[in-house]
Protein backbone atom coordinates (compact mmCIF):
# COMPACT_ATOMS: atom_id res chain seq x y z
CA MET A 1 106.72 2.63 135.13
CA LYS A 2 108.26 -0.67 135.04
CA HIS A 3 107.03 -3.75 132.90
CA LYS A 4 106.49 -7.25 134.54
CA PRO A 5 108.22 -9.96 133.06
CA PRO A 6 105.36 -12.61 131.64
CA SER A 7 103.85 -15.16 133.99
CA GLN A 8 104.25 -18.73 133.72
CA ARG A 9 100.58 -18.95 132.44
CA GLN A 10 101.27 -16.18 129.79
CA LEU A 11 104.45 -18.20 128.67
CA LYS A 12 102.82 -21.69 128.63
CA VAL A 13 99.72 -20.18 126.75
CA GLY A 14 102.42 -18.61 124.20
CA GLU A 15 104.23 -21.49 123.75
CA LEU A 16 100.72 -23.29 122.97
CA ILE A 17 99.80 -20.74 120.35
CA ARG A 18 103.16 -20.99 118.63
CA HIS A 19 102.99 -24.66 118.53
CA SER A 20 99.30 -24.57 117.21
CA LEU A 21 100.13 -21.79 114.44
CA SER A 22 103.57 -23.58 113.36
CA ASN A 23 101.36 -26.66 112.59
CA MET A 24 98.45 -24.54 110.61
CA PHE A 25 101.38 -23.31 108.68
CA ILE A 26 103.07 -26.84 108.20
CA ARG A 27 99.85 -28.43 106.76
CA GLY A 28 99.05 -25.65 104.74
CA GLU A 29 95.77 -24.67 106.36
CA ILE A 30 95.73 -21.54 104.72
CA PRO A 31 95.67 -22.00 100.92
CA TYR A 32 96.55 -18.49 99.94
CA LEU A 33 99.86 -19.48 101.73
CA ASP A 34 100.33 -22.96 100.00
CA GLY A 35 103.95 -23.56 99.47
CA THR A 36 105.04 -20.52 101.88
CA SER A 37 107.45 -21.53 104.53
CA VAL A 38 106.65 -19.60 107.49
CA THR A 39 108.43 -19.68 111.17
CA VAL A 40 106.77 -18.62 114.10
CA SER A 41 109.33 -17.78 116.63
CA GLU A 42 107.62 -16.41 119.05
CA VAL A 43 104.14 -15.64 120.57
CA GLN A 44 103.76 -13.14 123.50
CA VAL A 45 100.36 -12.88 125.36
CA SER A 46 98.70 -10.41 127.53
CA PRO A 47 98.44 -10.59 130.93
CA ASP A 48 94.70 -11.30 130.62
CA LEU A 49 95.40 -13.92 127.86
CA LYS A 50 92.74 -12.08 125.39
CA ASN A 51 95.50 -10.74 122.94
CA ALA A 52 98.42 -12.47 121.36
CA VAL A 53 101.25 -11.35 119.27
CA ALA A 54 102.98 -13.87 116.84
CA PHE A 55 106.38 -13.19 115.60
CA ILE A 56 106.74 -14.76 112.00
CA TYR A 57 109.46 -14.82 109.60
CA PRO A 58 108.65 -16.52 105.96
CA LEU A 59 111.71 -18.33 104.53
CA ALA A 60 114.38 -16.27 103.65
CA GLY A 61 112.10 -13.53 104.01
CA GLN A 62 110.40 -13.62 100.85
CA ASN A 63 107.25 -11.75 100.61
CA ALA A 64 106.99 -10.96 104.21
CA ASP A 65 105.00 -7.70 103.38
CA LYS A 66 102.55 -9.51 101.57
CA LEU A 67 102.30 -12.13 104.12
CA LEU A 68 101.80 -9.48 106.91
CA LYS A 69 98.95 -8.00 104.91
CA ALA A 70 97.13 -11.01 104.27
CA LEU A 71 97.13 -12.72 107.69
CA PRO A 72 94.58 -10.21 108.92
CA ASP A 73 92.14 -11.21 106.39
CA PHE A 74 92.11 -14.80 108.15
CA ALA A 75 92.10 -13.55 111.42
CA GLY A 76 88.95 -15.49 112.48
CA PHE A 77 89.81 -18.70 110.69
CA ILE A 78 93.16 -18.66 112.24
CA ARG A 79 91.59 -17.90 115.81
CA THR A 80 89.16 -20.67 115.41
CA TYR A 81 91.54 -22.75 114.34
CA VAL A 82 93.84 -22.06 117.28
CA ALA A 83 90.77 -22.28 119.72
CA LYS A 84 89.95 -25.79 118.33
CA GLU A 85 93.65 -26.78 118.98
CA ILE A 86 94.19 -25.60 122.76
CA ASP A 87 91.97 -25.63 125.58
CA MET A 88 91.14 -22.24 126.88
CA ARG A 89 88.12 -20.25 127.96
CA TYR A 90 88.70 -17.62 125.21
CA ALA A 91 90.70 -17.87 122.13
CA PRO A 92 92.97 -14.75 121.99
CA ARG A 93 93.06 -12.56 119.20
CA ILE A 94 96.13 -13.15 117.12
CA SER A 95 98.09 -10.27 115.27
CA PHE A 96 101.08 -10.99 113.57
CA LYS A 97 104.53 -8.99 113.39
CA LEU A 98 107.58 -9.80 111.40
CA ASP A 99 110.47 -11.16 113.22
CA ASN A 100 113.66 -9.01 112.51
CA SER A 101 115.83 -11.20 114.97
CA PHE A 102 117.05 -13.67 112.07
CA GLU A 103 118.26 -10.61 109.94
CA TYR A 104 119.94 -8.89 113.18
CA ALA A 105 121.82 -12.19 114.08
CA SER A 106 122.82 -12.58 110.21
CA LYS A 107 124.67 -9.24 110.39
CA ILE A 108 126.33 -9.83 113.75
CA THR A 109 127.55 -13.13 112.10
CA ASP A 110 128.74 -11.08 109.12
CA LEU A 111 130.47 -8.84 111.43
CA LEU A 112 132.08 -11.17 113.43
CA ARG A 113 133.72 -12.98 110.08
CA LYS A 114 135.24 -10.03 109.04
CA ALA A 115 139.01 -9.93 108.72
CA GLU A 116 139.56 -6.88 110.63
CA ILE A 117 138.17 -8.80 113.72
CA PRO A 118 141.07 -11.10 114.98
CA GLN A 119 140.14 -14.87 115.47
CA GLN A 120 140.66 -16.41 118.56
């Protein structure tokens, strides 16, 4: 079974949610996370717009497990915050996953810098 690429609406809603979550983390709206810098790299939204997965990464990967365990406790607060920020009929349920693309990019960079690979 083929997966369809996300629609323009899914992409737009995902980007609106990403901006809203980024603002929430920057402003320190969740006291538990005060002082923790969190990057929201992407938000993928389901076709019915009722569920979303936010890919996050704390600065330097510090306390990533602790962060992922804590965020579900604030799910209601986060959903309400996002609902106030964006104008939608229903606020999506947001789950969080660790974004490993930063680590992957770092590994690729390290490999490319090795002396065994000729530089052009």
